[in-house]
All heavy atoms as atom14 arrays in JSON, in Angstrom:
{
  "sequence": "GHDLLMRLRESRLQDEKLLIEYYNRIIESYDYVGNFLILLYH",
  "atom14_mask": [
    [1, 1, 1, 1, 0, 0, 0, 0, 0, 0, 0, 0, 0, 0],
    [1, 1, 1, 1, 1, 1, 1, 1, 1, 1, 0, 0, 0, 0],
    [1, 1, 1, 1, 1, 1, 1, 1, 0, 0, 0, 0, 0, 0],
    [1, 1, 1, 1, 1, 1, 1, 1, 0, 0, 0, 0, 0, 0],
    [1, 1, 1, 1, 1, 1, 1, 1, 0, 0, 0, 0, 0, 0],
    [1, 1, 1, 1, 1, 1, 1, 1, 0, 0, 0, 0, 0, 0],
    [1, 1, 1, 1, 1, 1, 1, 1, 1, 1, 1, 0, 0, 0],
    [1, 1, 1, 1, 1, 1, 1, 1, 0, 0, 0, 0, 0, 0],
    [1, 1, 1, 1, 1, 1, 1, 1, 1, 1, 1, 0, 0, 0],
    [1, 1, 1, 1, 1, 1, 1, 1, 1, 0, 0, 0, 0, 0],
    [1, 1, 1, 1, 1, 1, 0, 0, 0, 0, 0, 0, 0, 0],
    [1, 1, 1, 1, 1, 1, 1, 1, 1, 1, 1, 0, 0, 0],
    [1, 1, 1, 1, 1, 1, 1, 1, 0, 0, 0, 0, 0, 0],
    [1, 1, 1, 1, 1, 1, 1, 1, 1, 0, 0, 0, 0, 0],
    [1, 1, 1, 1, 1, 1, 1, 1, 0, 0, 0, 0, 0, 0],
    [1, 1, 1, 1, 1, 1, 1, 1, 1, 0, 0, 0, 0, 0],
    [1, 1, 1, 1, 1, 1, 1, 1, 1, 0, 0, 0, 0, 0],
    [1, 1, 1, 1, 1, 1, 1, 1, 0, 0, 0, 0, 0, 0],
    [1, 1, 1, 1, 1, 1, 1, 1, 0, 0, 0, 0, 0, 0],
    [1, 1, 1, 1, 1, 1, 1, 1, 0, 0, 0, 0, 0, 0],
    [1, 1, 1, 1, 1, 1, 1, 1, 1, 0, 0, 0, 0, 0],
    [1, 1, 1, 1, 1, 1, 1, 1, 1, 1, 1, 1, 0, 0],
    [1, 1, 1, 1, 1, 1, 1, 1, 1, 1, 1, 1, 0, 0],
    [1, 1, 1, 1, 1, 1, 1, 1, 0, 0, 0, 0, 0, 0],
    [1, 1, 1, 1, 1, 1, 1, 1, 1, 1, 1, 0, 0, 0],
    [1, 1, 1, 1, 1, 1, 1, 1, 0, 0, 0, 0, 0, 0],
    [1, 1, 1, 1, 1, 1, 1, 1, 0, 0, 0, 0, 0, 0],
    [1, 1, 1, 1, 1, 1, 1, 1, 1, 0, 0, 0, 0, 0],
    [1, 1, 1, 1, 1, 1, 0, 0, 0, 0, 0, 0, 0, 0],
    [1, 1, 1, 1, 1, 1, 1, 1, 1, 1, 1, 1, 0, 0],
    [1, 1, 1, 1, 1, 1, 1, 1, 0, 0, 0, 0, 0, 0],
    [1, 1, 1, 1, 1, 1, 1, 1, 1, 1, 1, 1, 0, 0],
    [1, 1, 1, 1, 1, 1, 1, 0, 0, 0, 0, 0, 0, 0],
    [1, 1, 1, 1, 0, 0, 0, 0, 0, 0, 0, 0, 0, 0],
    [1, 1, 1, 1, 1, 1, 1, 1, 0, 0, 0, 0, 0, 0],
    [1, 1, 1, 1, 1, 1, 1, 1, 1, 1, 1, 0, 0, 0],
    [1, 1, 1, 1, 1, 1, 1, 1, 0, 0, 0, 0, 0, 0],
    [1, 1, 1, 1, 1, 1, 1, 1, 0, 0, 0, 0, 0, 0],
    [1, 1, 1, 1, 1, 1, 1, 1, 0, 0, 0, 0, 0, 0],
    [1, 1, 1, 1, 1, 1, 1, 1, 0, 0, 0, 0, 0, 0],
    [1, 1, 1, 1, 1, 1, 1, 1, 1, 1, 1, 1, 0, 0],
    [1, 1, 1, 1, 1, 1, 1, 1, 1, 1, 0, 0, 0, 0]
  ],
  "atom14_positions": [
    [[97.83, -90.63, 241.16], [99.0, -90.48, 242.0], [99.08, -89.1, 242.62], [99.43, -88.94, 243.8], [0.0, 0.0, 0.0], [0.0, 0.0, 0.0], [0.0, 0.0, 0.0], [0.0, 0.0, 0.0], [0.0, 0.0, 0.0], [0.0, 0.0, 0.0], [0.0, 0.0, 0.0], [0.0, 0.0, 0.0], [0.0, 0.0, 0.0], [0.0, 0.0, 0.0]],
    [[98.73, -88.1, 241.85], [98.75, -86.72, 242.33], [97.73, -86.52, 243.44], [97.99, -85.88, 244.46], [98.48, -85.76, 241.17], [98.54, -84.31, 241.56], [97.44, -83.61, 242.0], [99.59, -83.43, 241.59], [97.8, -82.37, 242.27], [99.1, -82.23, 242.03], [0.0, 0.0, 0.0], [0.0, 0.0, 0.0], [0.0, 0.0, 0.0], [0.0, 0.0, 0.0]],
    [[96.56, -87.1, 243.24], [95.49, -86.99, 244.25], [95.91, -87.62, 245.58], [95.68, -87.05, 246.65], [94.23, -87.66, 243.72], [93.09, -87.66, 244.73], [92.76, -86.57, 245.24], [92.57, -88.75, 245.04], [0.0, 0.0, 0.0], [0.0, 0.0, 0.0], [0.0, 0.0, 0.0], [0.0, 0.0, 0.0], [0.0, 0.0, 0.0], [0.0, 0.0, 0.0]],
    [[96.54, -88.8, 245.52], [97.0, -89.47, 246.74], [98.05, -88.64, 247.48], [98.04, -88.53, 248.71], [97.57, -90.85, 246.4], [96.56, -91.96, 246.13], [97.25, -93.21, 245.63], [95.76, -92.27, 247.39], [0.0, 0.0, 0.0], [0.0, 0.0, 0.0], [0.0, 0.0, 0.0], [0.0, 0.0, 0.0], [0.0, 0.0, 0.0], [0.0, 0.0, 0.0]],
    [[98.96, -88.03, 246.71], [99.99, -87.19, 247.32], [99.38, -85.96, 247.99], [99.8, -85.56, 249.09], [101.02, -86.76, 246.27], [101.97, -87.86, 245.78], [102.83, -87.37, 244.63], [102.84, -88.35, 246.92], [0.0, 0.0, 0.0], [0.0, 0.0, 0.0], [0.0, 0.0, 0.0], [0.0, 0.0, 0.0], [0.0, 0.0, 0.0], [0.0, 0.0, 0.0]],
    [[98.39, -85.38, 247.34], [97.72, -84.22, 247.93], [97.04, -84.61, 249.24], [97.1, -83.88, 250.24], [96.69, -83.66, 246.94], [97.3, -82.97, 245.72], [98.16, -81.43, 246.14], [96.77, -80.38, 246.55], [0.0, 0.0, 0.0], [0.0, 0.0, 0.0], [0.0, 0.0, 0.0], [0.0, 0.0, 0.0], [0.0, 0.0, 0.0], [0.0, 0.0, 0.0]],
    [[96.41, -85.77, 249.26], [95.72, -86.22, 250.48], [96.69, -86.58, 251.58], [96.45, -86.3, 252.76], [94.81, -87.4, 250.14], [93.57, -86.99, 249.33], [92.97, -88.15, 248.56], [92.63, -89.28, 249.43], [92.41, -90.51, 248.99], [92.51, -90.78, 247.69], [92.1, -91.47, 249.82], [0.0, 0.0, 0.0], [0.0, 0.0, 0.0], [0.0, 0.0, 0.0]],
    [[97.81, -87.19, 251.22], [98.85, -87.5, 252.21], [99.39, -86.22, 252.84], [99.6, -86.14, 254.05], [100.0, -88.28, 251.55], [99.79, -89.77, 251.29], [100.92, -90.31, 250.43], [99.73, -90.54, 252.61], [0.0, 0.0, 0.0], [0.0, 0.0, 0.0], [0.0, 0.0, 0.0], [0.0, 0.0, 0.0], [0.0, 0.0, 0.0], [0.0, 0.0, 0.0]],
    [[99.61, -85.24, 251.99], [100.14, -83.95, 252.45], [99.15, -83.27, 253.39], [99.52, -82.76, 254.45], [100.44, -83.08, 251.23], [100.85, -81.65, 251.5], [101.26, -81.02, 250.17], [101.46, -79.59, 250.3], [100.57, -78.67, 250.01], [99.34, -79.03, 249.63], [100.83, -77.38, 250.14], [0.0, 0.0, 0.0], [0.0, 0.0, 0.0], [0.0, 0.0, 0.0]],
    [[97.88, -83.27, 253.0], [96.86, -82.62, 253.82], [96.65, -83.35, 255.14], [96.34, -82.73, 256.16], [95.54, -82.56, 253.03], [95.59, -81.59, 251.86], [94.43, -81.78, 250.89], [93.55, -82.62, 251.19], [94.42, -81.12, 249.83], [0.0, 0.0, 0.0], [0.0, 0.0, 0.0], [0.0, 0.0, 0.0], [0.0, 0.0, 0.0], [0.0, 0.0, 0.0]],
    [[96.83, -84.67, 255.14], [96.63, -85.45, 256.37], [97.85, -85.38, 257.29], [97.8, -85.87, 258.42], [96.37, -86.92, 256.02], [97.55, -87.54, 255.54], [0.0, 0.0, 0.0], [0.0, 0.0, 0.0], [0.0, 0.0, 0.0], [0.0, 0.0, 0.0], [0.0, 0.0, 0.0], [0.0, 0.0, 0.0], [0.0, 0.0, 0.0], [0.0, 0.0, 0.0]],
    [[98.94, -84.81, 256.8], [100.2, -84.73, 257.56], [100.65, -86.12, 258.02], [101.18, -86.29, 259.12], [100.04, -83.8, 258.77], [99.81, -82.35, 258.37], [99.51, -81.48, 259.55], [99.5, -80.08, 259.14], [100.46, -79.2, 259.4], [101.53, -79.58, 260.09], [100.36, -77.95, 259.01], [0.0, 0.0, 0.0], [0.0, 0.0, 0.0], [0.0, 0.0, 0.0]],
    [[100.4, -87.12, 257.16], [100.79, -88.52, 257.4], [100.11, -89.11, 258.64], [100.68, -89.98, 259.31], [102.32, -88.63, 257.53], [103.15, -88.04, 256.37], [104.64, -88.27, 256.62], [102.74, -88.65, 255.04], [0.0, 0.0, 0.0], [0.0, 0.0, 0.0], [0.0, 0.0, 0.0], [0.0, 0.0, 0.0], [0.0, 0.0, 0.0], [0.0, 0.0, 0.0]],
    [[98.9, -88.65, 258.95], [98.18, -89.13, 260.13], [97.12, -90.18, 259.79], [96.64, -90.89, 260.68], [97.48, -87.94, 260.83], [98.41, -86.83, 261.28], [99.16, -87.2, 262.55], [98.95, -88.27, 263.11], [100.02, -86.32, 263.0], [0.0, 0.0, 0.0], [0.0, 0.0, 0.0], [0.0, 0.0, 0.0], [0.0, 0.0, 0.0], [0.0, 0.0, 0.0]],
    [[96.75, -90.3, 258.51], [95.67, -91.2, 258.09], [96.25, -92.59, 257.81], [96.88, -92.84, 256.78], [95.0, -90.63, 256.84], [93.75, -91.39, 256.44], [93.69, -92.61, 256.71], [92.84, -90.78, 255.87], [0.0, 0.0, 0.0], [0.0, 0.0, 0.0], [0.0, 0.0, 0.0], [0.0, 0.0, 0.0], [0.0, 0.0, 0.0], [0.0, 0.0, 0.0]],
    [[96.02, -93.52, 258.73], [96.6, -94.86, 258.63], [96.11, -95.6, 257.38], [96.89, -96.26, 256.69], [96.24, -95.67, 259.88], [96.88, -97.05, 259.93], [98.39, -96.99, 260.08], [98.91, -96.03, 260.68], [99.07, -97.92, 259.57], [0.0, 0.0, 0.0], [0.0, 0.0, 0.0], [0.0, 0.0, 0.0], [0.0, 0.0, 0.0], [0.0, 0.0, 0.0]],
    [[94.83, -95.51, 257.09], [94.28, -96.18, 255.93], [94.9, -95.66, 254.63], [95.23, -96.43, 253.72], [92.75, -95.97, 255.9], [92.06, -96.72, 254.77], [90.56, -96.5, 254.82], [89.86, -97.19, 253.65], [88.38, -96.97, 253.66], [0.0, 0.0, 0.0], [0.0, 0.0, 0.0], [0.0, 0.0, 0.0], [0.0, 0.0, 0.0], [0.0, 0.0, 0.0]],
    [[95.07, -94.35, 254.56], [95.67, -93.72, 253.37], [97.13, -94.14, 253.23], [97.61, -94.38, 252.11], [95.55, -92.2, 253.48], [96.02, -91.37, 252.28], [95.24, -91.74, 251.03], [95.87, -89.88, 252.57], [0.0, 0.0, 0.0], [0.0, 0.0, 0.0], [0.0, 0.0, 0.0], [0.0, 0.0, 0.0], [0.0, 0.0, 0.0], [0.0, 0.0, 0.0]],
    [[97.83, -94.25, 254.34], [99.23, -94.67, 254.3], [99.37, -96.09, 253.77], [100.24, -96.37, 252.93], [99.86, -94.57, 255.69], [100.15, -93.16, 256.21], [100.56, -93.2, 257.68], [101.24, -92.49, 255.38], [0.0, 0.0, 0.0], [0.0, 0.0, 0.0], [0.0, 0.0, 0.0], [0.0, 0.0, 0.0], [0.0, 0.0, 0.0], [0.0, 0.0, 0.0]],
    [[98.52, -96.99, 254.24], [98.55, -98.38, 253.77], [98.28, -98.42, 252.27], [98.93, -99.17, 251.52], [97.52, -99.24, 254.52], [97.89, -99.35, 256.01], [97.43, -100.63, 253.9], [99.21, -100.02, 256.29], [0.0, 0.0, 0.0], [0.0, 0.0, 0.0], [0.0, 0.0, 0.0], [0.0, 0.0, 0.0], [0.0, 0.0, 0.0], [0.0, 0.0, 0.0]],
    [[97.34, -97.6, 251.82], [97.02, -97.54, 250.39], [98.25, -97.1, 249.59], [98.54, -97.64, 248.52], [95.86, -96.58, 250.15], [95.44, -96.48, 248.69], [94.29, -95.5, 248.47], [93.75, -94.97, 249.47], [93.95, -95.25, 247.3], [0.0, 0.0, 0.0], [0.0, 0.0, 0.0], [0.0, 0.0, 0.0], [0.0, 0.0, 0.0], [0.0, 0.0, 0.0]],
    [[98.95, -96.12, 250.14], [100.12, -95.62, 249.4], [101.29, -96.6, 249.46], [102.02, -96.76, 248.49], [100.55, -94.24, 249.93], [101.32, -93.47, 248.88], [100.67, -92.99, 247.74], [102.69, -93.25, 248.99], [101.36, -92.31, 246.75], [103.39, -92.56, 248.01], [102.71, -92.11, 246.9], [103.41, -91.44, 245.9], [0.0, 0.0, 0.0], [0.0, 0.0, 0.0]],
    [[101.47, -97.25, 250.59], [102.51, -98.28, 250.67], [102.28, -99.35, 249.6], [103.22, -99.78, 248.9], [102.52, -98.95, 252.05], [102.93, -98.06, 253.19], [102.42, -98.28, 254.48], [103.83, -97.01, 253.01], [102.79, -97.48, 255.55], [104.2, -96.2, 254.08], [103.67, -96.44, 255.35], [104.05, -95.65, 256.4], [0.0, 0.0, 0.0], [0.0, 0.0, 0.0]],
    [[101.04, -99.78, 249.47], [100.71, -100.81, 248.47], [100.97, -100.3, 247.05], [101.41, -101.07, 246.18], [99.25, -101.24, 248.61], [99.05, -102.22, 249.76], [99.89, -103.07, 250.0], [97.95, -102.08, 250.47], [0.0, 0.0, 0.0], [0.0, 0.0, 0.0], [0.0, 0.0, 0.0], [0.0, 0.0, 0.0], [0.0, 0.0, 0.0], [0.0, 0.0, 0.0]],
    [[100.68, -99.04, 246.84], [100.92, -98.45, 245.51], [102.41, -98.47, 245.19], [102.82, -98.77, 244.06], [100.38, -97.02, 245.48], [100.43, -96.37, 244.1], [99.89, -94.95, 244.15], [99.94, -94.31, 242.85], [98.94, -94.27, 241.98], [97.8, -94.86, 242.28], [99.08, -93.66, 240.82], [0.0, 0.0, 0.0], [0.0, 0.0, 0.0], [0.0, 0.0, 0.0]],
    [[103.24, -98.15, 246.19], [104.69, -98.17, 245.99], [105.17, -99.59, 245.72], [105.95, -99.84, 244.8], [105.42, -97.58, 247.22], [105.13, -96.09, 247.35], [106.93, -97.82, 247.13], [105.68, -95.45, 248.62], [0.0, 0.0, 0.0], [0.0, 0.0, 0.0], [0.0, 0.0, 0.0], [0.0, 0.0, 0.0], [0.0, 0.0, 0.0], [0.0, 0.0, 0.0]],
    [[104.71, -100.53, 246.55], [105.13, -101.93, 246.42], [104.8, -102.49, 245.04], [105.6, -103.21, 244.43], [104.48, -102.79, 247.53], [105.02, -102.38, 248.9], [104.7, -104.28, 247.28], [104.25, -102.95, 250.08], [0.0, 0.0, 0.0], [0.0, 0.0, 0.0], [0.0, 0.0, 0.0], [0.0, 0.0, 0.0], [0.0, 0.0, 0.0], [0.0, 0.0, 0.0]],
    [[103.62, -102.16, 244.53], [103.19, -102.66, 243.23], [104.0, -102.06, 242.07], [104.22, -102.73, 241.06], [101.7, -102.36, 243.02], [100.78, -103.16, 243.92], [99.34, -102.68, 243.85], [99.06, -101.77, 243.02], [98.51, -103.18, 244.62], [0.0, 0.0, 0.0], [0.0, 0.0, 0.0], [0.0, 0.0, 0.0], [0.0, 0.0, 0.0], [0.0, 0.0, 0.0]],
    [[104.44, -100.83, 242.22], [105.06, -100.14, 241.09], [106.59, -100.13, 241.13], [107.24, -99.96, 240.1], [104.56, -98.69, 241.02], [104.88, -97.99, 242.21], [0.0, 0.0, 0.0], [0.0, 0.0, 0.0], [0.0, 0.0, 0.0], [0.0, 0.0, 0.0], [0.0, 0.0, 0.0], [0.0, 0.0, 0.0], [0.0, 0.0, 0.0], [0.0, 0.0, 0.0]],
    [[107.18, -100.33, 242.32], [108.63, -100.24, 242.46], [109.28, -101.56, 242.05], [109.08, -102.59, 242.69], [108.98, -99.89, 243.91], [110.45, -99.74, 244.2], [111.25, -98.83, 243.51], [111.06, -100.52, 245.19], [112.59, -98.69, 243.79], [112.4, -100.38, 245.49], [113.16, -99.47, 244.78], [114.5, -99.33, 245.07], [0.0, 0.0, 0.0], [0.0, 0.0, 0.0]],
    [[110.03, -101.55, 240.98], [110.64, -102.76, 240.42], [111.98, -103.01, 241.11], [113.01, -102.43, 240.74], [110.84, -102.59, 238.91], [111.35, -103.86, 238.25], [111.37, -104.9, 238.92], [111.74, -103.8, 237.07], [0.0, 0.0, 0.0], [0.0, 0.0, 0.0], [0.0, 0.0, 0.0], [0.0, 0.0, 0.0], [0.0, 0.0, 0.0], [0.0, 0.0, 0.0]],
    [[111.94, -103.87, 242.12], [113.16, -104.17, 242.88], [113.08, -105.58, 243.43], [112.04, -105.99, 243.95], [113.34, -103.17, 244.02], [114.59, -103.4, 244.85], [115.84, -103.0, 244.38], [114.52, -104.03, 246.09], [116.99, -103.22, 245.12], [115.67, -104.26, 246.84], [116.89, -103.85, 246.35], [118.03, -104.07, 247.09], [0.0, 0.0, 0.0], [0.0, 0.0, 0.0]],
    [[114.18, -106.33, 243.31], [114.24, -107.69, 243.84], [114.98, -107.66, 245.18], [116.16, -107.36, 245.23], [114.97, -108.64, 242.86], [115.07, -110.04, 243.46], [114.26, -108.67, 241.52], [0.0, 0.0, 0.0], [0.0, 0.0, 0.0], [0.0, 0.0, 0.0], [0.0, 0.0, 0.0], [0.0, 0.0, 0.0], [0.0, 0.0, 0.0], [0.0, 0.0, 0.0]],
    [[114.27, -107.95, 246.25], [114.88, -107.92, 247.57], [114.05, -107.12, 248.56], [112.98, -106.6, 248.25], [0.0, 0.0, 0.0], [0.0, 0.0, 0.0], [0.0, 0.0, 0.0], [0.0, 0.0, 0.0], [0.0, 0.0, 0.0], [0.0, 0.0, 0.0], [0.0, 0.0, 0.0], [0.0, 0.0, 0.0], [0.0, 0.0, 0.0], [0.0, 0.0, 0.0]],
    [[114.55, -107.0, 249.77], [113.86, -106.27, 250.83], [114.13, -104.77, 250.68], [115.21, -104.36, 250.22], [114.35, -106.72, 252.2], [114.08, -108.2, 252.45], [113.77, -108.95, 251.53], [114.19, -108.61, 253.69], [0.0, 0.0, 0.0], [0.0, 0.0, 0.0], [0.0, 0.0, 0.0], [0.0, 0.0, 0.0], [0.0, 0.0, 0.0], [0.0, 0.0, 0.0]],
    [[113.17, -103.95, 251.1], [113.41, -102.51, 251.07], [112.55, -101.8, 252.12], [111.56, -102.35, 252.62], [113.16, -101.93, 249.68], [111.78, -102.14, 249.12], [110.77, -101.21, 249.33], [111.5, -103.26, 248.34], [109.51, -101.39, 248.8], [110.23, -103.46, 247.8], [109.23, -102.52, 248.03], [0.0, 0.0, 0.0], [0.0, 0.0, 0.0], [0.0, 0.0, 0.0]],
    [[112.97, -100.58, 252.43], [112.3, -99.77, 253.44], [111.71, -98.53, 252.78], [112.39, -97.84, 252.01], [113.31, -99.34, 254.51], [112.81, -98.39, 255.6], [111.77, -99.07, 256.48], [113.99, -97.88, 256.45], [0.0, 0.0, 0.0], [0.0, 0.0, 0.0], [0.0, 0.0, 0.0], [0.0, 0.0, 0.0], [0.0, 0.0, 0.0], [0.0, 0.0, 0.0]],
    [[110.44, -98.25, 253.07], [109.77, -97.03, 252.59], [109.69, -96.04, 253.76], [109.22, -96.41, 254.84], [108.35, -97.34, 252.08], [108.37, -98.4, 250.98], [107.67, -96.06, 251.58], [106.99, -98.95, 250.63], [0.0, 0.0, 0.0], [0.0, 0.0, 0.0], [0.0, 0.0, 0.0], [0.0, 0.0, 0.0], [0.0, 0.0, 0.0], [0.0, 0.0, 0.0]],
    [[110.13, -94.83, 253.54], [110.04, -93.79, 254.57], [109.32, -92.57, 254.01], [109.56, -92.17, 252.86], [111.43, -93.37, 255.05], [112.24, -94.4, 255.85], [113.65, -93.9, 256.09], [111.55, -94.72, 257.17], [0.0, 0.0, 0.0], [0.0, 0.0, 0.0], [0.0, 0.0, 0.0], [0.0, 0.0, 0.0], [0.0, 0.0, 0.0], [0.0, 0.0, 0.0]],
    [[108.43, -91.99, 254.82], [107.73, -90.75, 254.45], [107.93, -89.73, 255.57], [107.74, -90.03, 256.75], [106.24, -91.01, 254.25], [105.83, -91.81, 253.01], [104.38, -92.26, 253.13], [106.03, -90.99, 251.74], [0.0, 0.0, 0.0], [0.0, 0.0, 0.0], [0.0, 0.0, 0.0], [0.0, 0.0, 0.0], [0.0, 0.0, 0.0], [0.0, 0.0, 0.0]],
    [[108.33, -88.52, 255.19], [108.53, -87.43, 256.14], [107.55, -86.3, 255.81], [107.23, -86.06, 254.64], [109.94, -86.85, 256.02], [111.09, -87.81, 256.18], [111.43, -88.72, 255.18], [111.89, -87.78, 257.32], [112.51, -89.58, 255.31], [112.98, -88.63, 257.47], [113.28, -89.53, 256.46], [114.36, -90.37, 256.59], [0.0, 0.0, 0.0], [0.0, 0.0, 0.0]],
    [[107.13, -85.58, 256.85], [106.29, -84.4, 256.64], [106.92, -83.2, 257.33], [107.43, -83.3, 258.45], [104.87, -84.6, 257.17], [104.01, -83.38, 257.0], [103.84, -82.43, 257.99], [103.29, -82.95, 255.92], [103.05, -81.47, 257.54], [102.7, -81.75, 256.3], [0.0, 0.0, 0.0], [0.0, 0.0, 0.0], [0.0, 0.0, 0.0], [0.0, 0.0, 0.0]]
  ]
}
């Protein structure tokens, strides 16, 4: 998780493939029933 965050930070949220990977990581780990929105700011 730390490595992914470091790469996201270094990419300034420009790497589409890395973003999809992180979205999936959030979706798999976030325990919530219903729709939700993920936002990332740099």
